[in-house]
Amino acid sequence: MKFAQLSTFAAALLLSSAAMAEGGGDRTFEKMMAANGRSMELFVAKEQTRDPVVVNEKKDDKTKDL
């Protein structure tokens, strides 16, 4: 009976360690961050080629404050 309990305990430890093992989550996160960085670089490059948007802060008497 002790052997069965010991075997069950060892099997439980092996299964739990397999469940907690790294499943590539770090690599996936790294690839996601690299793709995000690349897309941000492309976005900034695209935005720099556009003409700047000019915002006029001058208000008339007819303009209401929100």
C-alpha atoms as a PDB file:
ATOM      1  CA  MET A   1       0.000   0.000   0.000  1.00  0.00           C
ATOM      2  CA  LYS A   2       2.882   2.361   0.751  1.00  0.00           C
ATOM      3  CA  PHE A   3       4.275   1.739  -2.718  1.00  0.00           C
ATOM      4  CA  ALA A   4       0.912   2.667  -4.301  1.00  0.00           C
ATOM      5  CA  GLN A   5       0.711   5.892  -2.285  1.00  0.00           C
ATOM      6  CA  LEU A   6       4.294   6.757  -3.098  1.00  0.00           C
ATOM      7  CA  SER A   7       3.702   6.049  -6.786  1.00  0.00           C
ATOM      8  CA  THR A   8       0.558   8.195  -6.786  1.00  0.00           C
ATOM      9  CA  PHE A   9       2.417  11.033  -5.078  1.00  0.00           C
ATOM     10  CA  ALA A  10       5.291  10.805  -7.589  1.00  0.00           C
ATOM     11  CA  ALA A  11       2.855  10.772 -10.516  1.00  0.00           C
ATOM     12  CA  ALA A  12       1.059  13.828  -9.115  1.00  0.00           C
ATOM     13  CA  LEU A  13       4.365  15.683  -8.809  1.00  0.00           C
ATOM     14  CA  LEU A  14       5.328  14.805 -12.380  1.00  0.00           C
ATOM     15  CA  LEU A  15       1.976  15.905 -13.766  1.00  0.00           C
ATOM     16  CA  SER A  16       1.982  19.180 -11.861  1.00  0.00           C
ATOM     17  CA  SER A  17       5.519  20.003 -12.973  1.00  0.00           C
ATOM     18  CA  ALA A  18       4.569  19.239 -16.580  1.00  0.00           C
ATOM     19  CA  ALA A  19       1.539  21.507 -16.281  1.00  0.00           C
ATOM     20  CA  MET A  20       3.641  24.348 -14.884  1.00  0.00           C
ATOM     21  CA  ALA A  21       6.444  23.962 -17.419  1.00  0.00           C
ATOM     22  CA  GLU A  22       7.129  26.771 -19.853  1.00  0.00           C
ATOM     23  CA  GLY A  23       4.975  26.331 -22.902  1.00  0.00           C
ATOM     24  CA  GLY A  24       6.606  28.954 -25.080  1.00  0.00           C
ATOM     25  CA  GLY A  25       4.764  31.870 -23.522  1.00  0.00           C
ATOM     26  CA  ASP A  26       7.950  33.909 -23.201  1.00  0.00           C
ATOM     27  CA  ARG A  27       8.838  33.358 -26.839  1.00  0.00           C
ATOM     28  CA  THR A  28       5.307  34.285 -27.914  1.00  0.00           C
ATOM     29  CA  PHE A  29       5.413  37.460 -25.818  1.00  0.00           C
ATOM     30  CA  GLU A  30       8.805  38.373 -27.264  1.00  0.00           C
ATOM     31  CA  LYS A  31       7.527  37.914 -30.825  1.00  0.00           C
ATOM     32  CA  MET A  32       4.448  39.994 -30.013  1.00  0.00           C
ATOM     33  CA  MET A  33       6.560  42.832 -28.604  1.00  0.00           C
ATOM     34  CA  ALA A  34       8.889  42.742 -31.622  1.00  0.00           C
ATOM     35  CA  ALA A  35       5.908  42.941 -33.975  1.00  0.00           C
ATOM     36  CA  ASN A  36       4.473  45.814 -31.935  1.00  0.00           C
ATOM     37  CA  GLY A  37       7.764  47.710 -32.083  1.00  0.00           C
ATOM     38  CA  ARG A  38       8.015  47.215 -35.827  1.00  0.00           C
ATOM     39  CA  SER A  39       4.448  48.394 -36.385  1.00  0.00           C
ATOM     40  CA  MET A  40       5.086  51.484 -34.260  1.00  0.00           C
ATOM     41  CA  GLU A  41       8.184  52.276 -36.330  1.00  0.00           C
ATOM     42  CA  LEU A  42       6.159  51.985 -39.532  1.00  0.00           C
ATOM     43  CA  PHE A  43       3.395  54.158 -38.089  1.00  0.00           C
ATOM     44  CA  VAL A  44       5.811  56.904 -37.049  1.00  0.00           C
ATOM     45  CA  ALA A  45       7.508  56.807 -40.448  1.00  0.00           C
ATOM     46  CA  LYS A  46       4.141  57.108 -42.173  1.00  0.00           C
ATOM     47  CA  GLU A  47       2.994  59.954 -39.930  1.00  0.00           C
ATOM     48  CA  GLN A  48       6.207  61.924 -40.500  1.00  0.00           C
ATOM     49  CA  THR A  49       5.589  61.944 -44.246  1.00  0.00           C
ATOM     50  CA  ARG A  50       2.181  63.601 -43.807  1.00  0.00           C
ATOM     51  CA  ASP A  51       1.675  67.331 -43.588  1.00  0.00           C
ATOM     52  CA  PRO A  52       1.309  68.509 -40.009  1.00  0.00           C
ATOM     53  CA  VAL A  53      -2.173  69.336 -38.768  1.00  0.00           C
ATOM     54  CA  VAL A  54      -2.497  72.925 -37.566  1.00  0.00           C
ATOM     55  CA  VAL A  55      -4.882  73.551 -34.690  1.00  0.00           C
ATOM     56  CA  ASN A  56      -6.147  77.075 -34.270  1.00  0.00           C
ATOM     57  CA  GLU A  57      -6.657  77.842 -30.598  1.00  0.00           C
ATOM     58  CA  LYS A  58      -8.146  81.290 -31.237  1.00  0.00           C
ATOM     59  CA  LYS A  59     -11.757  81.533 -30.107  1.00  0.00           C
ATOM     60  CA  ASP A  60     -14.454  83.894 -31.309  1.00  0.00           C
ATOM     61  CA  ASP A  61     -17.174  85.477 -29.233  1.00  0.00           C
ATOM     62  CA  LYS A  62     -19.572  83.062 -30.926  1.00  0.00           C
ATOM     63  CA  THR A  63     -17.540  79.988 -29.980  1.00  0.00           C
ATOM     64  CA  LYS A  64     -18.846  78.298 -26.878  1.00  0.00           C
ATOM     65  CA  ASP A  65     -16.637  76.574 -24.383  1.00  0.00           C
ATOM     66  CA  LEU A  66     -17.490  72.915 -23.949  1.00  0.00           C
END
